Amino acid sequence: MTVRLKDFHADWCGPCKTQDPILEELLEDYPDVSFEKVDVEEEQEIANQYQVRSLPTVVVENDDGVVERFVGVTQREDIEEALASAGA
């Protein structure tokens, strides 16, 4: 099963910059997770598809669909729990 993490962000978003190091650490520890950074300014269609209204938004999904979504800066442990639930 493929596990994906989508990071919805924007260059002007201060909290997004706080979230970045947390996600970078996770990606080192979970090399099998597919990671996608989505700049909402450049990829509005994808942001709309996922109904992103606030930044940062992190979506964890697998082949069955969205497992968890987080709005605002999210701690590593919470994202790890969602990754485990998704099958990572």
N, C-alpha and C. Protein backbone atom coordinates (compact mmCIF):
# COMPACT_ATOMS: atom_id res chain seq x y z
N MET A 1 0.84 -1.18 0.00
CA MET A 1 0.00 0.00 0.00
C MET A 1 0.89 1.24 0.00
N THR A 2 0.56 2.19 -0.84
CA THR A 2 1.32 3.43 -0.93
C THR A 2 0.80 4.43 0.09
N VAL A 3 1.73 4.99 0.87
CA VAL A 3 1.38 6.03 1.84
C VAL A 3 1.96 7.34 1.33
N ARG A 4 1.10 8.37 1.32
CA ARG A 4 1.52 9.68 0.83
C ARG A 4 1.30 10.74 1.90
N LEU A 5 2.21 11.69 1.94
CA LEU A 5 2.07 12.85 2.81
C LEU A 5 2.11 14.08 1.92
N LYS A 6 1.07 14.87 1.98
CA LYS A 6 1.01 16.11 1.19
C LYS A 6 1.13 17.28 2.15
N ASP A 7 2.08 18.16 1.87
CA ASP A 7 2.32 19.35 2.68
C ASP A 7 1.85 20.56 1.89
N PHE A 8 0.72 21.13 2.28
CA PHE A 8 0.19 22.33 1.63
C PHE A 8 0.76 23.54 2.34
N HIS A 9 1.46 24.39 1.58
CA HIS A 9 2.16 25.52 2.17
C HIS A 9 2.19 26.69 1.19
N ALA A 10 2.76 27.81 1.65
CA ALA A 10 3.02 28.97 0.81
C ALA A 10 4.30 29.63 1.31
N ASP A 11 5.01 30.29 0.41
CA ASP A 11 6.27 30.94 0.79
C ASP A 11 6.09 31.99 1.87
N TRP A 12 4.95 32.67 1.88
CA TRP A 12 4.71 33.76 2.83
C TRP A 12 4.21 33.28 4.19
N CYS A 13 4.00 31.99 4.35
CA CYS A 13 3.40 31.42 5.56
C CYS A 13 4.46 31.13 6.62
N GLY A 14 4.46 31.92 7.69
CA GLY A 14 5.41 31.73 8.78
C GLY A 14 5.27 30.38 9.47
N PRO A 15 4.05 29.96 9.85
CA PRO A 15 3.90 28.65 10.49
C PRO A 15 4.37 27.49 9.58
N CYS A 16 4.28 27.68 8.27
CA CYS A 16 4.75 26.64 7.34
C CYS A 16 6.25 26.44 7.51
N LYS A 17 6.96 27.53 7.75
CA LYS A 17 8.42 27.43 7.93
C LYS A 17 8.75 26.70 9.24
N THR A 18 7.87 26.82 10.23
CA THR A 18 8.04 26.09 11.48
C THR A 18 7.79 24.61 11.26
N GLN A 19 6.85 24.28 10.39
CA GLN A 19 6.48 22.87 10.11
C GLN A 19 7.56 22.16 9.30
N ASP A 20 8.26 22.88 8.43
CA ASP A 20 9.22 22.26 7.51
C ASP A 20 10.24 21.34 8.17
N PRO A 21 10.95 21.77 9.24
CA PRO A 21 11.96 20.86 9.83
C PRO A 21 11.35 19.58 10.39
N ILE A 22 10.13 19.67 10.91
CA ILE A 22 9.47 18.48 11.44
C ILE A 22 9.23 17.49 10.30
N LEU A 23 8.74 17.98 9.18
CA LEU A 23 8.47 17.11 8.03
C LEU A 23 9.76 16.54 7.45
N GLU A 24 10.80 17.36 7.39
CA GLU A 24 12.08 16.89 6.84
C GLU A 24 12.63 15.74 7.67
N GLU A 25 12.53 15.84 9.00
CA GLU A 25 12.98 14.75 9.86
C GLU A 25 12.17 13.48 9.62
N LEU A 26 10.87 13.63 9.51
CA LEU A 26 10.00 12.48 9.27
C LEU A 26 10.36 11.78 7.97
N LEU A 27 10.63 12.56 6.95
CA LEU A 27 10.91 11.97 5.64
C LEU A 27 12.21 11.18 5.64
N GLU A 28 13.15 11.60 6.48
CA GLU A 28 14.39 10.82 6.61
C GLU A 28 14.11 9.48 7.27
N ASP A 29 13.18 9.48 8.23
CA ASP A 29 12.88 8.27 8.98
C ASP A 29 11.86 7.36 8.28
N TYR A 30 11.13 7.91 7.32
CA TYR A 30 10.11 7.14 6.59
C TYR A 30 10.37 7.24 5.07
N PRO A 31 11.46 6.62 4.59
CA PRO A 31 11.81 6.76 3.17
C PRO A 31 10.79 6.16 2.22
N ASP A 32 9.92 5.27 2.70
CA ASP A 32 8.94 4.65 1.82
C ASP A 32 7.68 5.50 1.63
N VAL A 33 7.58 6.58 2.40
CA VAL A 33 6.41 7.47 2.27
C VAL A 33 6.66 8.43 1.11
N SER A 34 5.67 8.53 0.24
CA SER A 34 5.73 9.47 -0.87
C SER A 34 5.40 10.87 -0.34
N PHE A 35 6.29 11.81 -0.56
CA PHE A 35 6.12 13.16 -0.02
C PHE A 35 5.90 14.16 -1.15
N GLU A 36 4.90 15.00 -0.98
CA GLU A 36 4.61 16.02 -1.99
C GLU A 36 4.40 17.37 -1.30
N LYS A 37 5.22 18.34 -1.69
CA LYS A 37 5.03 19.71 -1.22
C LYS A 37 4.14 20.41 -2.24
N VAL A 38 3.04 20.98 -1.77
CA VAL A 38 2.08 21.64 -2.66
C VAL A 38 2.03 23.11 -2.29
N ASP A 39 2.58 23.96 -3.16
CA ASP A 39 2.51 25.41 -2.98
C ASP A 39 1.12 25.86 -3.41
N VAL A 40 0.31 26.32 -2.47
CA VAL A 40 -1.09 26.63 -2.78
C VAL A 40 -1.22 27.80 -3.74
N GLU A 41 -0.20 28.64 -3.82
CA GLU A 41 -0.22 29.76 -4.76
C GLU A 41 -0.07 29.26 -6.20
N GLU A 42 0.76 28.23 -6.37
CA GLU A 42 1.04 27.71 -7.71
C GLU A 42 0.11 26.58 -8.12
N GLU A 43 -0.43 25.87 -7.14
CA GLU A 43 -1.24 24.69 -7.44
C GLU A 43 -2.60 24.80 -6.74
N GLN A 44 -3.33 25.84 -7.08
CA GLN A 44 -4.62 26.11 -6.44
C GLN A 44 -5.63 25.00 -6.69
N GLU A 45 -5.57 24.38 -7.85
CA GLU A 45 -6.52 23.31 -8.17
C GLU A 45 -6.39 22.14 -7.19
N ILE A 46 -5.15 21.75 -6.88
CA ILE A 46 -4.94 20.65 -5.93
C ILE A 46 -5.38 21.08 -4.54
N ALA A 47 -5.05 22.31 -4.15
CA ALA A 47 -5.47 22.82 -2.84
C ALA A 47 -6.99 22.83 -2.73
N ASN A 48 -7.66 23.22 -3.79
CA ASN A 48 -9.13 23.22 -3.78
C ASN A 48 -9.68 21.80 -3.70
N GLN A 49 -9.06 20.88 -4.42
CA GLN A 49 -9.49 19.48 -4.40
C GLN A 49 -9.46 18.93 -2.98
N TYR A 50 -8.44 19.32 -2.20
CA TYR A 50 -8.29 18.86 -0.82
C TYR A 50 -8.94 19.81 0.18
N GLN A 51 -9.64 20.81 -0.32
CA GLN A 51 -10.36 21.78 0.50
C GLN A 51 -9.47 22.42 1.56
N VAL A 52 -8.29 22.86 1.11
CA VAL A 52 -7.35 23.52 2.01
C VAL A 52 -7.79 24.96 2.20
N ARG A 53 -8.02 25.34 3.47
CA ARG A 53 -8.48 26.68 3.80
C ARG A 53 -7.50 27.43 4.69
N SER A 54 -6.61 26.68 5.37
CA SER A 54 -5.63 27.28 6.28
C SER A 54 -4.29 26.61 6.06
N LEU A 55 -3.24 27.33 6.40
CA LEU A 55 -1.88 26.81 6.22
C LEU A 55 -1.15 26.84 7.55
N PRO A 56 -0.23 25.90 7.73
CA PRO A 56 -0.01 24.73 6.89
C PRO A 56 -1.10 23.68 7.07
N THR A 57 -1.32 22.90 6.05
CA THR A 57 -2.19 21.73 6.12
C THR A 57 -1.37 20.53 5.66
N VAL A 58 -1.40 19.48 6.45
CA VAL A 58 -0.70 18.24 6.12
C VAL A 58 -1.75 17.15 5.98
N VAL A 59 -1.71 16.44 4.86
CA VAL A 59 -2.66 15.36 4.60
C VAL A 59 -1.87 14.06 4.48
N VAL A 60 -2.31 13.06 5.23
CA VAL A 60 -1.74 11.72 5.14
C VAL A 60 -2.80 10.85 4.49
N GLU A 61 -2.41 10.17 3.41
CA GLU A 61 -3.36 9.32 2.70
C GLU A 61 -2.69 8.04 2.25
N ASN A 62 -3.54 7.06 1.93
CA ASN A 62 -3.05 5.82 1.34
C ASN A 62 -3.96 5.49 0.17
N ASP A 63 -3.87 4.27 -0.32
CA ASP A 63 -4.65 3.89 -1.50
C ASP A 63 -6.16 3.96 -1.26
N ASP A 64 -6.56 3.90 0.00
CA ASP A 64 -7.99 3.97 0.35
C ASP A 64 -8.50 5.39 0.48
N GLY A 65 -7.60 6.37 0.50
CA GLY A 65 -8.02 7.77 0.63
C GLY A 65 -7.34 8.46 1.81
N VAL A 66 -7.90 9.59 2.21
CA VAL A 66 -7.32 10.39 3.28
C VAL A 66 -7.49 9.67 4.61
N VAL A 67 -6.38 9.50 5.32
CA VAL A 67 -6.37 8.87 6.63
C VAL A 67 -6.49 9.93 7.72
N GLU A 68 -5.77 11.04 7.53
CA GLU A 68 -5.75 12.11 8.53
C GLU A 68 -5.35 13.41 7.86
N ARG A 69 -5.90 14.51 8.39
CA ARG A 69 -5.45 15.83 7.93
C ARG A 69 -5.22 16.68 9.15
N PHE A 70 -4.16 17.48 9.09
CA PHE A 70 -3.78 18.35 10.18
C PHE A 70 -3.74 19.78 9.67
N VAL A 71 -4.28 20.69 10.45
CA VAL A 71 -4.27 22.10 10.10
C VAL A 71 -3.48 22.83 11.19
N GLY A 72 -2.53 23.65 10.76
CA GLY A 72 -1.66 24.33 11.71
C GLY A 72 -0.40 23.51 11.94
N VAL A 73 0.53 24.07 12.67
CA VAL A 73 1.77 23.36 12.95
C VAL A 73 1.44 22.12 13.77
N THR A 74 1.91 20.97 13.29
CA THR A 74 1.58 19.69 13.90
C THR A 74 2.85 19.01 14.38
N GLN A 75 2.78 18.45 15.57
CA GLN A 75 3.95 17.79 16.16
C GLN A 75 4.26 16.48 15.44
N ARG A 76 5.51 16.12 15.49
CA ARG A 76 6.00 14.91 14.83
C ARG A 76 5.22 13.67 15.26
N GLU A 77 4.97 13.53 16.57
CA GLU A 77 4.31 12.34 17.10
C GLU A 77 2.92 12.15 16.48
N ASP A 78 2.20 13.24 16.30
CA ASP A 78 0.85 13.15 15.72
C ASP A 78 0.90 12.68 14.27
N ILE A 79 1.87 13.20 13.53
CA ILE A 79 2.01 12.79 12.12
C ILE A 79 2.47 11.34 12.05
N GLU A 80 3.36 10.94 12.95
CA GLU A 80 3.82 9.54 12.98
C GLU A 80 2.65 8.59 13.23
N GLU A 81 1.75 8.95 14.14
CA GLU A 81 0.58 8.11 14.41
C GLU A 81 -0.28 7.96 13.15
N ALA A 82 -0.45 9.07 12.41
CA ALA A 82 -1.24 9.02 11.18
C ALA A 82 -0.54 8.16 10.12
N LEU A 83 0.78 8.28 10.03
CA LEU A 83 1.53 7.46 9.08
C LEU A 83 1.37 5.97 9.41
N ALA A 84 1.43 5.64 10.69
CA ALA A 84 1.26 4.25 11.10
C ALA A 84 -0.15 3.77 10.77
N SER A 85 -1.15 4.60 11.00
CA SER A 85 -2.53 4.24 10.68
C SER A 85 -2.72 4.02 9.18
N ALA A 86 -1.93 4.77 8.39
CA ALA A 86 -2.03 4.66 6.93
C ALA A 86 -1.29 3.45 6.39
N GLY A 87 -0.43 2.85 7.22
CA GLY A 87 0.28 1.65 6.78
C GLY A 87 1.76 1.85 6.55
N ALA A 88 2.31 2.97 7.01
CA ALA A 88 3.75 3.21 6.82
C ALA A 88 4.56 2.47 7.85
